Amino acid sequence: MLEALRQAVWEANVRLPRERLVTMTSGNASGRDAETGLVVIKPSGVLYDELQPEDLVVVDLDGNVVEGRLRPSVDTSTHLYIYRERPDVGGVIHTHSPYATSFAALGEPIPVVLTAIADEYGGPIPCGPYAPVGGDAIGRAVVEHIGSSPAILLKSHGIFALGRDVHAALKAAVMVEDVAKTVHLAMLRGRPEPLPDEEVARAHRAYLEKYGQR
């Protein structure tokens, strides 16, 4: 079931190691079907290079397995909490990409010192508090602290990126690591200055209104 969504979520999952956002079996991608509300998510502990579209698990918003022979990701409850609280979200990506996670390890947001950060995130990429895996704690931390950003760091954990679909979420996750690396390198050489608030707002508005095809 949900063949198109299953293919899209599989493609997003296998891109995670290719983009160097995860290692071994860590991280996951999911997508929600707008019509049924069902969610397709990576199975727990399966290597990405062995993952096939038919291995993905379909669950409802209460976490009941609707289709799939494997157990869903241990982060399923987090994804589902986000989907229940954010009806605008159709895709969720979770990674432990190293440069971004280094900021998370320190409990620090990524400052808006680059136009790329202003464009995509509209401000600093926030860092939420530590929350234990399992239950709704991580999902609650994401929803309560992400604001209008499409991505958030969680202290001592990693990154969650959200989007209107799984491809948009993947873009936000890839860009988090890219800008985190640049900011990290800049901080080794000096103290990069945040862009002025009014310039951040202007750049973000222009990006939303003018970037890409319409």
Protein backbone atom coordinates (compact mmCIF):
# COMPACT_ATOMS: atom_id res chain seq x y z
CA MET A 1 0.00 0.00 0.00
CA LEU A 2 0.99 3.67 -0.47
CA GLU A 3 3.43 2.69 -3.21
CA ALA A 4 4.40 6.25 -4.24
CA LEU A 5 4.95 7.37 -0.67
CA ARG A 6 6.84 4.18 0.13
CA GLN A 7 9.19 4.86 -2.81
CA ALA A 8 9.73 8.48 -1.75
CA VAL A 9 10.49 7.51 1.85
CA TRP A 10 12.85 4.74 0.70
CA GLU A 11 14.71 7.21 -1.53
CA ALA A 12 15.06 9.65 1.37
CA ASN A 13 16.33 6.95 3.71
CA VAL A 14 19.00 5.64 1.35
CA ARG A 15 20.18 9.21 0.69
CA LEU A 16 21.00 9.71 4.37
CA PRO A 17 24.28 7.73 4.36
CA ARG A 18 25.13 9.02 0.87
CA GLU A 19 24.90 12.56 2.23
CA ARG A 20 26.99 11.47 5.24
CA LEU A 21 24.23 12.31 7.68
CA VAL A 22 24.12 8.87 9.38
CA THR A 23 26.32 5.83 9.97
CA MET A 24 25.41 2.13 10.11
CA THR A 25 21.71 1.92 11.08
CA SER A 26 21.29 5.26 12.88
CA GLY A 27 18.75 7.86 11.80
CA ASN A 28 15.53 7.49 9.84
CA ALA A 29 13.10 9.11 7.45
CA SER A 30 9.33 8.96 7.37
CA GLY A 31 6.48 10.39 5.34
CA ARG A 32 2.78 10.88 5.96
CA ASP A 33 0.02 10.25 3.45
CA ALA A 34 -2.23 13.32 3.42
CA GLU A 35 -5.37 11.38 2.49
CA THR A 36 -5.23 8.50 4.99
CA GLY A 37 -2.95 9.96 7.66
CA LEU A 38 -0.88 6.78 7.56
CA VAL A 39 2.88 7.04 8.02
CA VAL A 40 5.63 5.13 6.20
CA ILE A 41 8.84 4.78 8.22
CA LYS A 42 12.15 2.95 8.21
CA PRO A 43 12.28 -0.38 10.08
CA SER A 44 14.48 -0.60 13.16
CA GLY A 45 18.12 -1.67 12.83
CA VAL A 46 18.18 -2.38 9.08
CA LEU A 47 21.32 -1.37 7.18
CA TYR A 48 20.64 1.28 4.55
CA ASP A 49 22.44 -0.61 1.78
CA GLU A 50 20.17 -3.59 2.43
CA LEU A 51 16.96 -1.57 2.73
CA GLN A 52 14.28 -2.14 0.08
CA PRO A 53 11.00 -0.24 -0.41
CA GLU A 54 9.01 -3.29 0.68
CA ASP A 55 10.89 -3.32 4.01
CA LEU A 56 9.37 -0.02 5.11
CA VAL A 57 6.63 -0.15 7.72
CA VAL A 58 3.22 1.52 7.51
CA VAL A 59 1.76 2.66 10.83
CA ASP A 60 -1.23 4.72 11.88
CA LEU A 61 -0.92 7.83 14.05
CA ASP A 62 -1.40 5.70 17.18
CA GLY A 63 1.59 3.54 16.28
CA ASN A 64 -0.32 0.45 15.19
CA VAL A 65 1.38 -1.44 12.36
CA VAL A 66 -0.91 -1.46 9.34
CA GLU A 67 1.49 -3.15 6.96
CA GLY A 68 5.00 -4.52 7.27
CA ARG A 69 6.84 -7.64 8.42
CA LEU A 70 9.54 -5.75 10.35
CA ARG A 71 9.42 -3.66 13.51
CA PRO A 72 9.28 0.10 12.90
CA SER A 73 12.03 2.46 14.02
CA VAL A 74 12.50 3.04 17.74
CA ASP A 75 11.92 6.72 16.90
CA THR A 76 8.43 6.04 15.54
CA SER A 77 6.72 7.58 18.58
CA THR A 78 8.66 10.81 18.00
CA HIS A 79 7.67 10.99 14.34
CA LEU A 80 4.04 10.29 15.18
CA TYR A 81 3.93 12.93 17.92
CA ILE A 82 5.22 15.50 15.43
CA TYR A 83 2.65 14.48 12.82
CA ARG A 84 -0.20 14.64 15.34
CA GLU A 85 0.80 18.11 16.53
CA ARG A 86 1.89 19.55 13.16
CA PRO A 87 -0.71 18.87 10.47
CA ASP A 88 1.39 20.93 8.03
CA VAL A 89 4.24 18.39 8.21
CA GLY A 90 4.36 15.55 5.69
CA GLY A 91 7.94 14.36 6.19
CA VAL A 92 10.34 13.93 9.12
CA ILE A 93 14.08 13.20 8.99
CA HIS A 94 16.24 12.28 12.00
CA THR A 95 20.05 12.27 11.75
CA HIS A 96 23.19 12.44 13.85
CA SER A 97 25.28 14.32 11.28
CA PRO A 98 28.61 15.17 12.95
CA TYR A 99 29.04 18.93 12.51
CA ALA A 100 25.45 19.74 13.43
CA THR A 101 25.50 17.25 16.29
CA SER A 102 28.64 18.91 17.66
CA PHE A 103 26.50 22.01 18.28
CA ALA A 104 23.82 19.76 19.84
CA ALA A 105 26.43 18.20 22.12
CA LEU A 106 27.14 21.67 23.49
CA GLY A 107 23.45 22.55 23.67
CA GLU A 108 24.04 25.48 21.31
CA PRO A 109 21.97 26.72 18.36
CA ILE A 110 23.69 27.31 15.03
CA PRO A 111 23.92 31.11 14.75
CA VAL A 112 22.55 32.85 11.68
CA VAL A 113 25.91 34.03 10.35
CA LEU A 114 25.32 32.88 6.76
CA THR A 115 22.78 33.93 4.15
CA ALA A 116 22.05 30.22 3.59
CA ILE A 117 20.88 29.96 7.21
CA ALA A 118 18.75 33.10 6.89
CA ASP A 119 17.23 31.85 3.63
CA GLU A 120 16.28 28.33 4.66
CA TYR A 121 15.71 28.65 8.42
CA GLY A 122 14.73 32.27 8.94
CA GLY A 123 17.01 32.66 11.96
CA PRO A 124 19.36 30.62 14.13
CA ILE A 125 18.81 26.87 13.90
CA PRO A 126 17.42 26.24 17.39
CA CYS A 127 18.64 23.72 19.94
CA GLY A 128 16.03 22.10 22.16
CA PRO A 129 16.62 20.44 25.52
CA TYR A 130 17.76 16.89 26.09
CA ALA A 131 14.94 14.35 26.01
CA PRO A 132 15.12 10.56 26.46
CA VAL A 133 14.35 8.20 23.59
CA GLY A 134 10.96 6.50 23.81
CA GLY A 135 7.52 7.91 24.42
CA ASP A 136 6.58 11.47 23.53
CA ALA A 137 9.46 13.34 25.18
CA ILE A 138 11.55 13.95 22.07
CA GLY A 139 8.54 14.78 19.90
CA ARG A 140 7.34 17.25 22.51
CA ALA A 141 10.78 18.89 22.66
CA VAL A 142 10.83 19.22 18.87
CA VAL A 143 7.36 20.74 18.63
CA GLU A 144 7.81 23.11 21.57
CA HIS A 145 11.21 24.48 20.53
CA ILE A 146 11.45 24.34 16.73
CA GLY A 147 9.40 27.50 16.14
CA SER A 148 9.11 28.36 12.44
CA SER A 149 12.41 26.66 11.55
CA PRO A 150 12.29 23.49 9.43
CA ALA A 151 14.99 21.90 11.60
CA ILE A 152 16.08 21.67 15.21
CA LEU A 153 19.01 20.29 17.17
CA LEU A 154 18.32 18.38 20.38
CA LYS A 155 20.88 18.63 23.14
CA SER A 156 23.25 15.65 23.32
CA HIS A 157 21.29 13.85 20.61
CA GLY A 158 21.02 14.98 17.01
CA ILE A 159 18.85 16.67 14.40
CA PHE A 160 15.20 16.52 13.40
CA ALA A 161 14.14 18.15 10.13
CA LEU A 162 10.55 18.67 9.02
CA GLY A 163 8.97 19.45 5.67
CA ARG A 164 5.76 19.52 3.69
CA ASP A 165 6.93 16.17 2.33
CA VAL A 166 9.87 13.85 2.93
CA HIS A 167 11.96 15.45 0.17
CA ALA A 168 11.62 18.92 1.74
CA ALA A 169 12.58 17.46 5.12
CA LEU A 170 15.63 15.82 3.54
CA LYS A 171 16.72 19.15 2.04
CA ALA A 172 16.49 20.82 5.44
CA ALA A 173 18.52 18.02 7.03
CA VAL A 174 21.24 18.13 4.35
CA MET A 175 21.55 21.89 4.62
CA VAL A 176 21.80 21.77 8.43
CA GLU A 177 24.97 19.72 8.15
CA ASP A 178 26.36 21.86 5.36
CA VAL A 179 25.96 25.16 7.21
CA ALA A 180 27.06 23.61 10.52
CA LYS A 181 30.35 22.59 8.92
CA THR A 182 30.93 26.08 7.52
CA VAL A 183 30.09 27.76 10.83
CA HIS A 184 32.34 25.32 12.70
CA LEU A 185 35.25 26.15 10.38
CA ALA A 186 34.59 29.87 10.71
CA MET A 187 34.61 29.59 14.50
CA LEU A 188 38.04 27.99 14.35
CA ARG A 189 39.35 31.15 12.69
CA GLY A 190 37.44 33.83 14.57
CA ARG A 191 34.06 35.04 15.74
CA PRO A 192 31.55 35.23 12.89
CA GLU A 193 28.95 37.95 13.41
CA PRO A 194 25.22 37.15 13.14
CA LEU A 195 23.36 38.91 10.36
CA PRO A 196 21.08 41.78 11.48
CA ASP A 197 17.52 40.71 12.26
CA GLU A 198 16.04 42.86 9.51
CA GLU A 199 18.39 41.35 6.92
CA VAL A 200 17.54 37.83 8.09
CA ALA A 201 13.83 38.60 7.73
CA ARG A 202 14.32 40.14 4.27
CA ALA A 203 16.44 37.24 3.00
CA HIS A 204 14.05 34.61 4.35
CA ARG A 205 11.02 36.33 2.85
CA ALA A 206 12.72 36.65 -0.53
CA TYR A 207 13.74 33.00 -0.44
CA LEU A 208 10.20 31.85 0.30
CA GLU A 209 8.65 34.10 -2.34
CA LYS A 210 11.16 33.99 -5.19
CA TYR A 211 13.40 30.92 -5.00
CA GLY A 212 12.73 27.97 -7.31
CA GLN A 213 9.97 27.44 -9.88
CA ARG A 214 6.40 28.53 -9.35
